[in-house]
């Protein structure tokens, strides 16, 4: 239950931030089109591209970190299972000898 609430909250925050950034990205050039020179518009466009690139990189890094954690947990689970199987084999051998 707690995880689902956290996931819902994260989804809402991501959606809201996407809407705000999208609105700003669309409205800013239209509002400034008549007041800025071509050079200033290029600077703003470059800033937008940089912001989008940073956001993409952050989301990509978070996704990669989660994937790495998932792989690490899977490795630990496999290692524990191998240890358990080896202990059972050792126990069976001990019981056969005794």
C-alpha atoms as a PDB file:
ATOM      1  CA  UNK A   1       0.000   0.000   0.000  1.00  0.00           C
ATOM      2  CA  UNK A   2       2.776   2.416   0.942  1.00  0.00           C
ATOM      3  CA  UNK A   3       4.683   1.749  -2.296  1.00  0.00           C
ATOM      4  CA  UNK A   4       1.596   2.353  -4.417  1.00  0.00           C
ATOM      5  CA  UNK A   5       1.012   5.720  -2.721  1.00  0.00           C
ATOM      6  CA  UNK A   6       4.643   6.672  -3.316  1.00  0.00           C
ATOM      7  CA  UNK A   7       4.429   5.586  -6.960  1.00  0.00           C
ATOM      8  CA  UNK A   8       1.201   7.531  -7.470  1.00  0.00           C
ATOM      9  CA  UNK A   9       2.764  10.622  -5.885  1.00  0.00           C
ATOM     10  CA  UNK A  10       5.841  10.311  -8.091  1.00  0.00           C
ATOM     11  CA  UNK A  11       3.676   9.913 -11.177  1.00  0.00           C
ATOM     12  CA  UNK A  12       1.641  12.991 -10.302  1.00  0.00           C
ATOM     13  CA  UNK A  13       4.795  15.056  -9.677  1.00  0.00           C
ATOM     14  CA  UNK A  14       6.355  13.949 -12.958  1.00  0.00           C
ATOM     15  CA  UNK A  15       3.145  14.707 -14.851  1.00  0.00           C
ATOM     16  CA  UNK A  16       2.799  18.148 -13.294  1.00  0.00           C
ATOM     17  CA  UNK A  17       6.423  19.045 -13.922  1.00  0.00           C
ATOM     18  CA  UNK A  18       6.101  17.867 -17.526  1.00  0.00           C
ATOM     19  CA  UNK A  19       3.016  20.012 -18.020  1.00  0.00           C
ATOM     20  CA  UNK A  20       4.664  23.094 -16.509  1.00  0.00           C
ATOM     21  CA  UNK A  21       7.880  22.719 -18.471  1.00  0.00           C
ATOM     22  CA  UNK A  22       5.947  21.995 -21.665  1.00  0.00           C
ATOM     23  CA  UNK A  23       3.745  25.045 -21.176  1.00  0.00           C
ATOM     24  CA  UNK A  24       6.753  27.263 -20.525  1.00  0.00           C
ATOM     25  CA  UNK A  25       8.631  25.795 -23.480  1.00  0.00           C
ATOM     26  CA  UNK A  26       5.734  26.474 -25.819  1.00  0.00           C
ATOM     27  CA  UNK A  27       4.548  29.827 -24.464  1.00  0.00           C
ATOM     28  CA  UNK A  28       7.934  31.449 -23.962  1.00  0.00           C
ATOM     29  CA  UNK A  29       8.949  31.587 -27.644  1.00  0.00           C
ATOM     30  CA  UNK A  30       5.489  32.787 -28.708  1.00  0.00           C
ATOM     31  CA  UNK A  31       5.398  35.530 -26.079  1.00  0.00           C
ATOM     32  CA  UNK A  32       8.928  36.672 -26.792  1.00  0.00           C
ATOM     33  CA  UNK A  33       8.760  36.323 -30.575  1.00  0.00           C
ATOM     34  CA  UNK A  34       7.844  39.959 -31.165  1.00  0.00           C
ATOM     35  CA  UNK A  35      10.074  41.447 -28.482  1.00  0.00           C
ATOM     36  CA  UNK A  36      13.374  39.633 -28.997  1.00  0.00           C
ATOM     37  CA  UNK A  37      15.878  39.675 -31.815  1.00  0.00           C
ATOM     38  CA  UNK A  38      16.784  36.557 -33.751  1.00  0.00           C
ATOM     39  CA  UNK A  39      20.020  36.168 -31.801  1.00  0.00           C
ATOM     40  CA  UNK A  40      18.195  36.330 -28.464  1.00  0.00           C
ATOM     41  CA  UNK A  41      15.666  33.758 -29.674  1.00  0.00           C
ATOM     42  CA  UNK A  42      18.515  31.410 -30.609  1.00  0.00           C
ATOM     43  CA  UNK A  43      19.963  31.794 -27.118  1.00  0.00           C
ATOM     44  CA  UNK A  44      16.606  30.934 -25.551  1.00  0.00           C
ATOM     45  CA  UNK A  45      16.228  27.953 -27.875  1.00  0.00           C
ATOM     46  CA  UNK A  46      19.694  26.739 -26.917  1.00  0.00           C
ATOM     47  CA  UNK A  47      18.810  27.078 -23.220  1.00  0.00           C
ATOM     48  CA  UNK A  48      15.653  25.032 -23.779  1.00  0.00           C
ATOM     49  CA  UNK A  49      17.634  22.300 -25.516  1.00  0.00           C
ATOM     50  CA  UNK A  50      20.119  22.238 -22.634  1.00  0.00           C
ATOM     51  CA  UNK A  51      17.324  21.977 -20.059  1.00  0.00           C
ATOM     52  CA  UNK A  52      15.675  19.136 -21.991  1.00  0.00           C
ATOM     53  CA  UNK A  53      18.997  17.336 -22.297  1.00  0.00           C
ATOM     54  CA  UNK A  54      19.633  17.621 -18.564  1.00  0.00           C
ATOM     55  CA  UNK A  55      16.139  16.328 -17.761  1.00  0.00           C
ATOM     56  CA  UNK A  56      16.591  13.393 -20.139  1.00  0.00           C
ATOM     57  CA  UNK A  57      19.957  12.566 -18.600  1.00  0.00           C
ATOM     58  CA  UNK A  58      18.541  12.672 -15.062  1.00  0.00           C
ATOM     59  CA  UNK A  59      15.629  10.381 -15.908  1.00  0.00           C
ATOM     60  CA  UNK A  60      17.982   8.056 -17.779  1.00  0.00           C
ATOM     61  CA  UNK A  61      20.376   7.900 -14.825  1.00  0.00           C
ATOM     62  CA  UNK A  62      17.555   7.169 -12.389  1.00  0.00           C
ATOM     63  CA  UNK A  63      16.295   4.389 -14.639  1.00  0.00           C
ATOM     64  CA  UNK A  64      19.775   2.916 -14.963  1.00  0.00           C
ATOM     65  CA  UNK A  65      20.286   3.051 -11.192  1.00  0.00           C
ATOM     66  CA  UNK A  66      17.031   1.174 -10.616  1.00  0.00           C
ATOM     67  CA  UNK A  67      18.019  -1.432 -13.192  1.00  0.00           C
ATOM     68  CA  UNK A  68      21.411  -1.873 -11.512  1.00  0.00           C
ATOM     69  CA  UNK A  69      19.742  -2.348  -8.115  1.00  0.00           C
ATOM     70  CA  UNK A  70      17.390  -4.923  -9.618  1.00  0.00           C
ATOM     71  CA  UNK A  71      20.304  -6.846 -11.131  1.00  0.00           C
ATOM     72  CA  UNK A  72      22.217  -6.713  -7.829  1.00  0.00           C
ATOM     73  CA  UNK A  73      19.216  -8.082  -5.914  1.00  0.00           C
ATOM     74  CA  UNK A  74      18.839 -10.861  -8.465  1.00  0.00           C
ATOM     75  CA  UNK A  75      22.528 -11.770  -8.114  1.00  0.00           C
ATOM     76  CA  UNK A  76      22.187 -11.845  -4.324  1.00  0.00           C
ATOM     77  CA  UNK A  77      19.101 -14.046  -4.597  1.00  0.00           C
ATOM     78  CA  UNK A  78      20.896 -16.477  -6.907  1.00  0.00           C
ATOM     79  CA  UNK A  79      23.936 -16.561  -4.604  1.00  0.00           C
ATOM     80  CA  UNK A  80      21.739 -17.301  -1.579  1.00  0.00           C
ATOM     81  CA  UNK A  81      19.967 -20.063  -3.477  1.00  0.00           C
ATOM     82  CA  UNK A  82      23.287 -21.621  -4.513  1.00  0.00           C
ATOM     83  CA  UNK A  83      24.492 -21.521  -0.898  1.00  0.00           C
ATOM     84  CA  UNK A  84      21.268 -23.131   0.282  1.00  0.00           C
ATOM     85  CA  UNK A  85      21.556 -25.891  -2.306  1.00  0.00           C
ATOM     86  CA  UNK A  86      25.195 -26.517  -1.346  1.00  0.00           C
ATOM     87  CA  UNK A  87      24.273 -26.707   2.349  1.00  0.00           C
ATOM     88  CA  UNK A  88      21.531 -29.219   1.560  1.00  0.00           C
ATOM     89  CA  UNK A  89      23.976 -31.335  -0.462  1.00  0.00           C
ATOM     90  CA  UNK A  90      26.521 -31.205   2.360  1.00  0.00           C
ATOM     91  CA  UNK A  91      23.844 -32.192   4.855  1.00  0.00           C
ATOM     92  CA  UNK A  92      22.764 -35.141   2.687  1.00  0.00           C
ATOM     93  CA  UNK A  93      26.393 -36.301   2.363  1.00  0.00           C
ATOM     94  CA  UNK A  94      26.870 -35.982   6.131  1.00  0.00           C
ATOM     95  CA  UNK A  95      23.720 -38.025   6.784  1.00  0.00           C
ATOM     96  CA  UNK A  96      24.864 -40.743   4.356  1.00  0.00           C
ATOM     97  CA  UNK A  97      28.282 -40.985   5.998  1.00  0.00           C
ATOM     98  CA  UNK A  98      26.902 -41.022   9.518  1.00  0.00           C
END
